[in-house]
């Protein structure tokens, strides 16, 4: 657990030191669970969004994108169920006066038991080496079976309480599991209460005559209320999807874990409209398709897993999370939901407008069913960033910190480095910079020794360093260094653009 905490602290400090993420309003002592993206963080974030947009919209003929407003008619949130049912179960510790999400306390307790199982497996792997059979070990080891039985029992009780909205049952489970407050160390808990997560504000010229509206807690509803606009103006035929990237806002009482859970965050969502009766086939399709998208980043498959929901939202008939192994354990990265026809039906009822589709093949009108894929931009940033950040011991015994980002996501694709600040090398380097900057995000750096500049570029994830030396002026070639292997090769300046295009390919999902 200590190693996990150290790794997480390293992620947070590295992100700030190198201009990826800053605490918001820091000179005023910050604002809880709100962060600003710095100069490099903005580039990485934009590249993640572009990768998602291309994969979802550009590569699919039957998916289009929109950008709906953050402010929406208040009746939308009544229709969607957010006014009445968008709540978190909260519990306070009477001694520390700290407030927690009851469900998260229980999930963290389950994660600690899972960690015990993982430690037993790691010990066995070391003991048995290549002969180790993990599946057999899980099925036969007494300690593993005992801990798994505990997890199963807790999970069953937990699911029953959530499904029945049994707040007293959640509190009793916390007491029975002897879960203590991390701050006070005591188990002196209040009752569990529900807390609505939407931010309310007023719209109008004077507050007395203004209407209460909400900052949207998700981007999905903007897609649903524009269903007919997009379908008719785009002459879309079912099945088709509508995608959107945008800000959402939730008044998280227990916001934590850096940018994992924030009050202002960004979502990448796609709603896929299908014929009723085909939704579970499409649910399976998008569940597999979205995992392929993640794996195409080159992060090993063992860092991802599916988690099927036992408690389904009131609108869903199937739901799965893709979880990622963050520095603090496996947590939700993306949700895939079969939302049935709930949203379009509710908006039809509340607006009085028919939100239906005429299917020419079937010669009938119907309300389409919907498969949703919903992923957080910030969580994807944290997953990619935390996995890429590593300390390496080199052959000479020295160490380097390297951010091994996929090249297409890296903030800068290459750095131009004149070997010295004289002899015409800076001028030549600027010439190369000007040649490449229209195709790639580039950085020019002439300060410090070349070795220190390499380390600096390694730490911010730049895949290629291009060094201009004295020979460049006579042979019109440069030395290009690859970040991860640190291999260097000589290349003609005339071939530089083609070289970078070849090595920084768009990510394609097979």
Protein backbone atom coordinates (compact mmCIF):
# COMPACT_ATOMS: atom_id res chain seq x y z
CA UNK A 1 0.00 0.00 0.00
CA UNK A 2 2.91 2.34 0.81
CA UNK A 3 4.38 1.75 -2.64
CA UNK A 4 1.02 2.64 -4.22
CA UNK A 5 0.89 5.88 -2.22
CA UNK A 6 4.47 6.77 -3.16
CA UNK A 7 3.75 6.09 -6.84
CA UNK A 8 0.63 8.26 -6.69
CA UNK A 9 2.48 11.12 -4.96
CA UNK A 10 5.12 10.92 -7.69
CA UNK A 11 2.40 11.25 -10.36
CA UNK A 12 0.91 14.34 -8.66
CA UNK A 13 4.26 16.07 -8.09
CA UNK A 14 5.57 15.29 -11.59
CA UNK A 15 2.36 16.61 -13.16
CA UNK A 16 2.80 19.93 -11.37
CA UNK A 17 6.58 20.28 -11.74
CA UNK A 18 6.51 19.86 -15.52
CA UNK A 19 3.42 21.92 -16.33
CA UNK A 20 0.76 19.24 -16.80
CA UNK A 21 -1.68 19.94 -13.94
CA UNK A 22 -1.85 22.66 -11.29
CA UNK A 23 -4.18 23.03 -8.29
CA UNK A 24 -6.81 25.60 -9.31
CA UNK A 25 -6.58 29.06 -7.72
CA UNK A 26 -3.37 27.95 -6.01
CA UNK A 27 -2.21 31.47 -5.04
CA UNK A 28 -5.45 31.69 -3.03
CA UNK A 29 -4.74 28.32 -1.36
CA UNK A 30 -6.67 26.38 -4.00
CA UNK A 31 -10.23 25.18 -4.43
CA UNK A 32 -11.09 21.64 -3.39
CA UNK A 33 -11.23 19.03 -6.15
CA UNK A 34 -10.72 21.58 -8.94
CA UNK A 35 -7.60 21.54 -11.12
CA UNK A 36 -6.14 23.54 -14.01
CA UNK A 37 -4.38 21.93 -16.94
CA UNK A 38 -1.01 23.53 -17.64
CA UNK A 39 0.73 24.07 -20.95
CA UNK A 40 1.73 20.42 -21.42
CA UNK A 41 -1.39 18.99 -19.79
CA UNK A 42 -3.58 20.90 -22.23
CA UNK A 43 -1.71 19.42 -25.19
CA UNK A 44 -1.93 15.86 -23.81
CA UNK A 45 -5.61 16.31 -22.97
CA UNK A 46 -6.39 17.66 -26.44
CA UNK A 47 -4.55 14.74 -28.03
CA UNK A 48 -6.58 12.25 -25.97
CA UNK A 49 -9.80 13.96 -27.05
CA UNK A 50 -8.68 13.94 -30.69
CA UNK A 51 -7.85 10.21 -30.50
CA UNK A 52 -11.34 9.49 -29.12
CA UNK A 53 -13.08 11.79 -31.64
CA UNK A 54 -11.29 10.26 -34.61
CA UNK A 55 -12.00 6.72 -33.41
CA UNK A 56 -15.66 7.45 -32.72
CA UNK A 57 -16.67 9.98 -35.38
CA UNK A 58 -14.11 10.15 -38.19
CA UNK A 59 -13.68 6.37 -38.49
CA UNK A 60 -17.43 5.61 -38.33
CA UNK A 61 -19.75 6.65 -41.14
CA UNK A 62 -22.83 6.28 -38.93
CA UNK A 63 -21.65 8.35 -35.93
CA UNK A 64 -21.71 12.16 -35.90
CA UNK A 65 -20.69 14.68 -33.27
CA UNK A 66 -22.43 17.62 -31.61
CA UNK A 67 -21.60 20.22 -28.97
CA UNK A 68 -24.64 21.00 -26.82
CA UNK A 69 -24.93 23.84 -24.29
CA UNK A 70 -24.02 23.44 -20.63
CA UNK A 71 -27.15 25.39 -19.61
CA UNK A 72 -30.30 23.43 -20.41
CA UNK A 73 -34.01 23.75 -19.63
CA UNK A 74 -34.59 22.68 -15.98
CA UNK A 75 -37.36 20.26 -17.00
CA UNK A 76 -34.71 18.17 -18.78
CA UNK A 77 -33.21 17.19 -15.41
CA UNK A 78 -36.65 16.37 -14.02
CA UNK A 79 -37.32 14.13 -17.02
CA UNK A 80 -33.92 12.42 -16.77
CA UNK A 81 -34.42 11.61 -13.08
CA UNK A 82 -31.50 13.73 -11.88
CA UNK A 83 -33.63 16.06 -9.75
CA UNK A 84 -35.15 13.18 -7.78
CA UNK A 85 -32.58 10.40 -7.95
CA UNK A 86 -29.07 11.78 -8.57
CA UNK A 87 -27.80 11.17 -5.07
CA UNK A 88 -24.77 9.84 -3.22
CA UNK A 89 -25.09 8.00 0.14
CA UNK A 90 -23.02 10.03 2.63
CA UNK A 91 -21.90 9.20 6.16
CA UNK A 92 -20.05 11.36 8.70
CA UNK A 93 -17.55 10.38 11.37
CA UNK A 94 -18.60 12.18 14.58
CA UNK A 95 -15.03 12.47 15.90
CA UNK A 96 -13.13 13.68 12.83
CA UNK A 97 -16.17 15.59 11.44
CA UNK A 98 -15.16 14.20 8.03
CA UNK A 99 -17.76 13.11 5.49
CA UNK A 100 -17.43 10.00 3.30
CA UNK A 101 -19.38 8.22 0.62
CA UNK A 102 -20.73 5.08 2.28
CA UNK A 103 -20.39 3.03 -0.91
CA UNK A 104 -16.75 4.10 -1.38
CA UNK A 105 -15.86 3.10 2.19
CA UNK A 106 -17.21 -0.39 1.49
CA UNK A 107 -15.53 -0.59 -1.94
CA UNK A 108 -12.19 0.41 -0.38
CA UNK A 109 -12.63 -2.31 2.26
CA UNK A 110 -13.23 -4.88 -0.51
CA UNK A 111 -10.13 -3.56 -2.34
CA UNK A 112 -7.99 -4.21 0.77
CA UNK A 113 -9.12 -7.84 0.82
CA UNK A 114 -8.39 -8.09 -2.91
CA UNK A 115 -4.92 -6.74 -2.18
CA UNK A 116 -4.35 -9.63 0.27
CA UNK A 117 -5.29 -12.08 -2.48
CA UNK A 118 -2.92 -10.36 -4.91
CA UNK A 119 -0.06 -10.58 -2.39
CA UNK A 120 -0.60 -14.32 -2.01
CA UNK A 121 -0.57 -14.69 -5.80
CA UNK A 122 2.63 -12.62 -6.16
CA UNK A 123 4.38 -14.74 -3.50
CA UNK A 124 3.30 -17.92 -5.26
CA UNK A 125 4.48 -16.59 -8.64
CA UNK A 126 7.95 -16.01 -7.22
CA UNK A 127 7.97 -19.45 -5.60
CA UNK A 128 6.80 -21.49 -8.58
CA UNK A 129 8.14 -19.39 -11.47
CA UNK A 130 6.99 -20.38 -14.96
CA UNK A 131 5.17 -23.45 -13.62
CA UNK A 132 2.72 -21.21 -11.74
CA UNK A 133 -0.94 -21.68 -12.69
CA UNK A 134 -2.85 -18.68 -11.34
CA UNK A 135 -6.33 -20.06 -12.06
CA UNK A 136 -5.57 -23.30 -10.21
CA UNK A 137 -3.98 -21.39 -7.31
CA UNK A 138 -7.08 -19.17 -6.96
CA UNK A 139 -9.30 -22.25 -6.98
CA UNK A 140 -7.31 -24.25 -4.40
CA UNK A 141 -5.34 -22.00 -2.04
CA UNK A 142 -7.02 -21.86 1.38
CA UNK A 143 -6.15 -18.22 2.13
CA UNK A 144 -7.29 -17.05 -1.29
CA UNK A 145 -10.56 -18.99 -1.02
CA UNK A 146 -11.20 -17.61 2.46
CA UNK A 147 -10.65 -14.01 1.35
CA UNK A 148 -12.68 -14.51 -1.83
CA UNK A 149 -15.56 -15.85 0.25
CA UNK A 150 -15.40 -12.68 2.38
CA UNK A 151 -15.50 -10.52 -0.77
CA UNK A 152 -18.47 -12.45 -2.16
CA UNK A 153 -20.43 -12.16 1.09
CA UNK A 154 -19.75 -8.40 1.39
CA UNK A 155 -20.55 -7.81 -2.30
CA UNK A 156 -23.89 -9.62 -1.99
CA UNK A 157 -24.96 -7.60 1.06
CA UNK A 158 -23.68 -4.41 -0.53
CA UNK A 159 -25.65 -5.03 -3.76
CA UNK A 160 -28.84 -5.84 -1.84
CA UNK A 161 -28.58 -2.56 0.10
CA UNK A 162 -27.92 -0.51 -3.03
CA UNK A 163 -30.71 -2.13 -5.01
CA UNK A 164 -33.19 -1.59 -2.17
CA UNK A 165 -31.84 1.91 -1.40
CA UNK A 166 -31.40 0.60 2.16
CA UNK A 167 -29.38 3.36 3.83
CA UNK A 168 -29.58 1.79 7.30
CA UNK A 169 -28.35 -1.48 5.79
CA UNK A 170 -25.32 0.32 4.33
CA UNK A 171 -24.53 1.82 7.75
CA UNK A 172 -24.90 -1.58 9.42
CA UNK A 173 -22.55 -3.14 6.86
CA UNK A 174 -19.93 -0.46 7.60
CA UNK A 175 -20.29 -1.20 11.34
CA UNK A 176 -20.19 -5.00 10.86
CA UNK A 177 -17.02 -4.70 8.74
CA UNK A 178 -15.47 -2.57 11.50
CA UNK A 179 -14.55 0.14 9.00
CA UNK A 180 -12.83 3.01 10.79
CA UNK A 181 -12.45 6.64 9.77
CA UNK A 182 -8.98 7.07 8.18
CA UNK A 183 -8.53 10.37 10.06
CA UNK A 184 -9.78 9.68 13.61
CA UNK A 185 -9.42 5.91 13.58
CA UNK A 186 -12.82 5.59 15.27
CA UNK A 187 -16.04 3.88 14.18
CA UNK A 188 -18.35 6.55 15.52
CA UNK A 189 -20.60 6.94 12.45
CA UNK A 190 -23.74 8.99 11.80
CA UNK A 191 -26.73 7.75 9.80
CA UNK A 192 -26.33 7.47 6.03
CA UNK A 193 -28.07 10.28 4.11
CA UNK A 194 -28.67 11.03 0.45
CA UNK A 195 -27.13 14.15 -1.12
CA UNK A 196 -28.02 15.49 -4.59
CA UNK A 197 -24.94 16.16 -6.70
CA UNK A 198 -26.23 18.84 -9.07
CA UNK A 199 -25.03 22.45 -8.90
CA UNK A 200 -27.98 24.87 -8.98
CA UNK A 201 -27.76 28.44 -10.23
CA UNK A 202 -30.10 31.20 -11.44
CA UNK A 203 -30.75 32.44 -14.94
CA UNK A 204 -32.32 35.86 -15.34
CA UNK A 205 -31.50 39.55 -15.10
CA UNK A 206 -32.51 39.83 -11.43
CA UNK A 207 -32.29 37.05 -8.89
CA UNK A 208 -35.85 37.55 -7.59
CA UNK A 209 -37.39 36.86 -10.99
CA UNK A 210 -34.92 34.23 -12.11
CA UNK A 211 -35.44 30.55 -12.74
CA UNK A 212 -33.38 27.86 -11.06
CA UNK A 213 -31.33 25.95 -13.59
CA UNK A 214 -28.56 23.38 -13.17
CA UNK A 215 -25.05 22.96 -14.43
CA UNK A 216 -25.29 19.70 -16.36
CA UNK A 217 -24.04 16.66 -14.39
CA UNK A 218 -23.52 14.71 -17.64
CA UNK A 219 -23.38 15.40 -21.38
CA UNK A 220 -25.78 12.60 -22.42
CA UNK A 221 -29.02 14.58 -22.07
CA UNK A 222 -27.83 17.18 -24.59
CA UNK A 223 -27.62 14.32 -27.09
CA UNK A 224 -31.08 12.94 -26.30
CA UNK A 225 -32.89 16.26 -26.63
CA UNK A 226 -31.17 16.79 -30.00
CA UNK A 227 -31.99 13.29 -31.26
CA UNK A 228 -34.59 14.43 -33.83
CA UNK A 229 -32.57 17.48 -34.91
CA UNK A 230 -29.55 15.36 -35.75
CA UNK A 231 -31.52 12.45 -37.23
CA UNK A 232 -33.55 14.64 -39.59
CA UNK A 233 -30.88 17.18 -40.59
CA UNK A 234 -28.29 14.43 -41.08
CA UNK A 235 -30.74 11.95 -42.69
CA UNK A 236 -29.41 9.35 -40.25
CA UNK A 237 -30.56 5.75 -40.47
CA UNK A 238 -30.69 3.42 -37.49
CA UNK A 239 -28.33 2.17 -36.17
CA UNK A 240 -26.47 5.46 -35.72
CA UNK A 241 -24.62 7.30 -32.99
CA UNK A 242 -24.24 10.84 -31.68
CA UNK A 243 -20.98 11.71 -29.92
CA UNK A 244 -20.05 14.64 -27.72
CA UNK A 245 -17.10 15.89 -25.68
CA UNK A 246 -17.93 18.42 -22.99
CA UNK A 247 -17.73 19.68 -19.44
CA UNK A 248 -19.95 18.31 -16.68
CA UNK A 249 -20.30 19.36 -13.05
CA UNK A 250 -21.01 17.38 -9.89
CA UNK A 251 -20.95 18.69 -6.35
CA UNK A 252 -18.88 15.79 -5.08
CA UNK A 253 -18.68 15.94 -1.30
CA UNK A 254 -15.93 13.36 -1.23
CA UNK A 255 -13.86 14.40 -4.22
CA UNK A 256 -10.37 12.89 -4.02
CA UNK A 257 -7.53 11.08 -5.72
CA UNK A 258 -6.27 14.04 -7.73
CA UNK A 259 -8.11 14.36 -11.08
CA UNK A 260 -9.87 10.99 -10.68
CA UNK A 261 -12.93 12.52 -9.01
CA UNK A 262 -13.49 16.23 -9.55
CA UNK A 263 -16.31 18.74 -9.32
CA UNK A 264 -15.67 20.09 -12.82
CA UNK A 265 -14.65 17.45 -15.34
CA UNK A 266 -14.89 16.52 -18.98
CA UNK A 267 -16.68 13.58 -20.58
CA UNK A 268 -16.47 11.84 -23.93
CA UNK A 269 -19.85 10.21 -24.53
CA UNK A 270 -21.53 8.47 -27.43
CA UNK A 271 -25.18 7.44 -27.57
CA UNK A 272 -25.86 4.73 -30.16
CA UNK A 273 -29.50 4.41 -31.28
CA UNK A 274 -30.70 0.93 -32.28
CA UNK A 275 -33.85 -1.07 -33.02
CA UNK A 276 -35.61 -2.41 -29.91
CA UNK A 277 -34.64 -6.04 -29.43
CA UNK A 278 -31.13 -5.61 -30.85
CA UNK A 279 -29.77 -3.61 -27.93
CA UNK A 280 -27.99 -6.46 -26.13
CA UNK A 281 -26.11 -7.45 -29.31
CA UNK A 282 -24.98 -3.85 -29.72
CA UNK A 283 -24.14 -3.66 -26.00
CA UNK A 284 -21.77 -6.62 -26.48
CA UNK A 285 -20.32 -5.00 -29.61
CA UNK A 286 -19.53 -1.69 -27.92
CA UNK A 287 -18.23 -3.37 -24.79
CA UNK A 288 -15.62 -5.18 -26.91
CA UNK A 289 -14.99 -2.21 -29.22
CA UNK A 290 -14.26 0.17 -26.35
CA UNK A 291 -11.77 -2.21 -24.73
CA UNK A 292 -9.97 -2.49 -28.08
CA UNK A 293 -9.72 1.32 -28.12
CA UNK A 294 -7.95 1.29 -24.76
CA UNK A 295 -5.62 -1.57 -25.69
CA UNK A 296 -4.64 0.21 -28.93
CA UNK A 297 -2.78 2.72 -26.74
CA UNK A 298 -0.24 -0.02 -26.06
CA UNK A 299 -0.92 -0.31 -22.32
CA UNK A 300 -0.78 -4.02 -21.33
CA UNK A 301 -4.13 -5.84 -21.10
CA UNK A 302 -3.60 -6.80 -17.44
CA UNK A 303 -4.18 -3.14 -16.52
CA UNK A 304 -7.82 -3.38 -17.68
CA UNK A 305 -10.76 -5.47 -16.59
CA UNK A 306 -14.54 -5.58 -17.03
CA UNK A 307 -16.81 -5.08 -14.05
CA UNK A 308 -20.44 -6.01 -14.69
CA UNK A 309 -22.95 -4.04 -12.61
CA UNK A 310 -25.05 -6.01 -10.17
CA UNK A 311 -27.06 -2.90 -9.33
CA UNK A 312 -28.46 -1.46 -12.55
CA UNK A 313 -29.54 2.15 -12.89
CA UNK A 314 -33.30 2.60 -13.22
CA UNK A 315 -32.95 3.17 -16.99
CA UNK A 316 -30.59 0.25 -17.83
CA UNK A 317 -30.99 -3.42 -18.73
CA UNK A 318 -27.22 -4.09 -18.92
CA UNK A 319 -24.16 -2.20 -17.68
CA UNK A 320 -20.42 -2.82 -17.58
CA UNK A 321 -17.47 -0.74 -16.45
CA UNK A 322 -14.02 -0.93 -17.97
CA UNK A 323 -11.78 -0.58 -14.93
CA UNK A 324 -8.14 0.51 -15.03
CA UNK A 325 -5.37 -0.29 -12.58
CA UNK A 326 -4.61 3.20 -11.28
CA UNK A 327 -1.83 3.74 -8.72
CA UNK A 328 -4.57 3.42 -6.05
CA UNK A 329 -6.06 0.19 -7.47
CA UNK A 330 -8.65 -0.87 -10.05
CA UNK A 331 -11.28 1.85 -10.55
CA UNK A 332 -13.86 2.74 -13.19
CA UNK A 333 -12.49 4.36 -16.34
CA UNK A 334 -15.40 3.94 -18.75
CA UNK A 335 -19.03 2.84 -18.55
CA UNK A 336 -20.98 1.00 -21.25
CA UNK A 337 -24.74 0.99 -20.62
CA UNK A 338 -27.80 -0.33 -22.36
CA UNK A 339 -30.18 2.51 -21.48
CA UNK A 340 -33.28 0.99 -23.17
CA UNK A 341 -35.67 3.67 -24.49
CA UNK A 342 -35.93 5.39 -21.10
CA UNK A 343 -34.43 8.77 -22.01
CA UNK A 344 -36.27 9.40 -25.27
CA UNK A 345 -39.55 8.20 -23.73
CA UNK A 346 -39.19 10.49 -20.70
CA UNK A 347 -38.30 13.52 -22.81
CA UNK A 348 -41.31 12.77 -25.02
CA UNK A 349 -43.55 12.73 -21.95
CA UNK A 350 -42.15 15.92 -20.41
CA UNK A 351 -41.85 17.94 -23.63
CA UNK A 352 -44.99 16.73 -25.39
CA UNK A 353 -42.90 16.11 -28.55
CA UNK A 354 -42.70 12.70 -30.21
CA UNK A 355 -39.10 11.49 -30.21
CA UNK A 356 -39.55 8.51 -32.52
CA UNK A 357 -37.91 7.10 -35.62
CA UNK A 358 -39.70 5.91 -38.75
CA UNK A 359 -38.03 2.67 -39.86
CA UNK A 360 -38.66 2.37 -43.61
CA UNK A 361 -37.55 -1.28 -43.65
CA UNK A 362 -40.10 -2.25 -40.99
CA UNK A 363 -42.60 0.42 -42.08
CA UNK A 364 -43.23 1.47 -38.48
CA UNK A 365 -42.49 4.20 -35.94
CA UNK A 366 -40.73 3.31 -32.70
CA UNK A 367 -38.71 4.85 -29.90
CA UNK A 368 -35.11 3.66 -30.41
CA UNK A 369 -33.14 1.90 -27.70
CA UNK A 370 -29.76 3.34 -26.74
CA UNK A 371 -26.29 1.98 -26.01
CA UNK A 372 -24.11 4.50 -24.20
CA UNK A 373 -20.33 4.62 -23.98
CA UNK A 374 -19.18 7.18 -21.42
CA UNK A 375 -15.54 7.89 -20.54
CA UNK A 376 -13.91 10.64 -18.52
CA UNK A 377 -11.25 12.71 -20.27
CA UNK A 378 -9.55 13.42 -16.95
CA UNK A 379 -9.56 9.78 -15.86
CA UNK A 380 -8.12 8.76 -19.23
CA UNK A 381 -5.44 11.42 -18.79
CA UNK A 382 -4.63 10.02 -15.33
CA UNK A 383 -4.55 6.42 -16.62
CA UNK A 384 -2.25 7.23 -19.54
CA UNK A 385 -0.03 9.57 -17.50
CA UNK A 386 0.37 7.33 -14.44
CA UNK A 387 1.16 4.26 -16.55
CA UNK A 388 3.70 6.15 -18.67
CA UNK A 389 5.65 7.66 -15.74
CA UNK A 390 8.59 5.53 -14.65
CA UNK A 391 12.09 5.73 -13.20
CA UNK A 392 14.72 3.71 -15.07
CA UNK A 393 18.19 2.60 -14.02
CA UNK A 394 20.55 2.93 -17.00
CA UNK A 395 23.56 0.79 -17.91
CA UNK A 396 25.99 3.26 -16.34
CA UNK A 397 24.10 3.07 -13.04
CA UNK A 398 22.47 6.48 -13.38
CA UNK A 399 18.69 6.92 -13.31
CA UNK A 400 16.28 8.84 -15.48
CA UNK A 401 12.61 9.73 -15.16
CA UNK A 402 10.79 9.05 -18.41
CA UNK A 403 7.19 9.62 -19.46
CA UNK A 404 6.67 6.89 -22.08
CA UNK A 405 3.54 8.29 -23.67
CA UNK A 406 2.30 6.93 -27.00
CA UNK A 407 3.96 9.24 -29.53
CA UNK A 408 0.68 10.44 -31.00
CA UNK A 409 -0.50 11.60 -27.53
CA UNK A 410 2.75 13.29 -26.47
CA UNK A 411 2.50 17.09 -26.01
CA UNK A 412 5.58 17.72 -28.15
CA UNK A 413 6.42 15.31 -30.96
CA UNK A 414 10.06 16.41 -31.19
CA UNK A 415 12.52 18.83 -29.64
CA UNK A 416 15.10 20.76 -31.66
CA UNK A 417 18.40 21.01 -29.78
CA UNK A 418 21.41 22.95 -31.13
CA UNK A 419 24.51 21.34 -29.59
CA UNK A 420 25.96 24.74 -28.63
CA UNK A 421 24.67 28.33 -28.72
CA UNK A 422 27.17 29.53 -31.30
CA UNK A 423 28.79 28.77 -34.68
CA UNK A 424 25.51 29.21 -36.55
CA UNK A 425 23.90 26.15 -34.89
CA UNK A 426 20.95 28.04 -33.28
CA UNK A 427 20.13 29.63 -36.64
CA UNK A 428 20.16 26.24 -38.39
CA UNK A 429 18.09 24.72 -35.58
CA UNK A 430 15.49 27.51 -35.92
CA UNK A 431 15.35 26.86 -39.64
CA UNK A 432 14.50 23.18 -38.99
CA UNK A 433 11.99 24.21 -36.32
CA UNK A 434 10.22 26.50 -38.80
CA UNK A 435 10.14 23.69 -41.36
CA UNK A 436 8.47 21.18 -39.01
CA UNK A 437 6.21 23.33 -36.79
CA UNK A 438 3.32 23.33 -39.30
CA UNK A 439 3.11 19.52 -39.14
CA UNK A 440 4.02 18.82 -35.51
CA UNK A 441 4.02 20.41 -32.05
CA UNK A 442 7.71 21.15 -31.54
CA UNK A 443 9.88 22.56 -28.77
CA UNK A 444 13.13 24.48 -29.18
CA UNK A 445 15.65 24.13 -26.33
CA UNK A 446 19.20 25.45 -26.23
CA UNK A 447 19.76 25.80 -22.46
CA UNK A 448 22.10 23.45 -20.50
CA UNK A 449 24.28 20.55 -21.60
CA UNK A 450 22.79 18.21 -24.19
CA UNK A 451 22.47 15.35 -21.68
CA UNK A 452 20.37 17.48 -19.33
CA UNK A 453 18.18 18.57 -22.20
CA UNK A 454 17.61 14.93 -23.17
CA UNK A 455 16.53 14.17 -19.59
CA UNK A 456 14.16 17.13 -19.59
CA UNK A 457 12.50 15.94 -22.80
CA UNK A 458 12.30 12.37 -21.43
CA UNK A 459 10.46 13.69 -18.38
CA UNK A 460 7.78 15.46 -20.45
CA UNK A 461 7.31 12.54 -22.85
CA UNK A 462 8.83 13.97 -26.07
CA UNK A 463 9.36 10.93 -28.33
CA UNK A 464 12.19 12.39 -30.47
CA UNK A 465 15.09 14.77 -29.91
CA UNK A 466 16.75 16.28 -33.00
CA UNK A 467 20.30 17.50 -32.34
CA UNK A 468 21.93 20.03 -34.64
CA UNK A 469 25.77 19.85 -34.49
CA UNK A 470 28.72 21.26 -36.41
CA UNK A 471 28.52 18.48 -39.02
CA UNK A 472 24.93 19.55 -39.80
CA UNK A 473 26.26 22.66 -41.52
CA UNK A 474 28.33 20.57 -43.95
CA UNK A 475 26.38 17.30 -44.44
CA UNK A 476 22.80 18.67 -44.00
CA UNK A 477 21.97 15.90 -41.52
CA UNK A 478 21.03 15.74 -37.82
CA UNK A 479 21.11 13.18 -35.02
CA UNK A 480 17.66 11.95 -34.00
CA UNK A 481 17.27 10.23 -30.62
CA UNK A 482 14.33 8.00 -29.69
CA UNK A 483 12.99 8.50 -26.15
CA UNK A 484 12.31 4.94 -24.97
CA UNK A 485 15.32 3.11 -26.44
CA UNK A 486 17.63 6.17 -26.38
CA UNK A 487 19.00 4.94 -29.73
CA UNK A 488 20.43 7.59 -32.03
CA UNK A 489 20.73 7.70 -35.80
CA UNK A 490 21.91 10.16 -38.38
CA UNK A 491 19.28 11.39 -40.81
CA UNK A 492 19.13 13.93 -43.62
CA UNK A 493 17.19 17.11 -42.85
CA UNK A 494 15.30 16.57 -46.11
CA UNK A 495 13.92 13.27 -44.71
CA UNK A 496 12.97 14.59 -41.25
CA UNK A 497 9.32 15.36 -41.97
CA UNK A 498 8.71 11.95 -43.58
CA UNK A 499 10.57 10.22 -40.72
CA UNK A 500 8.38 11.83 -38.05
CA UNK A 501 5.16 11.17 -40.01
CA UNK A 502 6.16 7.51 -40.35
CA UNK A 503 6.95 7.10 -36.65
CA UNK A 504 4.07 9.15 -35.25
CA UNK A 505 1.12 7.37 -36.81
CA UNK A 506 -2.49 7.95 -35.74
CA UNK A 507 -3.70 5.19 -33.43
CA UNK A 508 -6.10 2.87 -35.25
CA UNK A 509 -8.40 0.46 -33.45
CA UNK A 510 -8.24 -2.96 -35.14
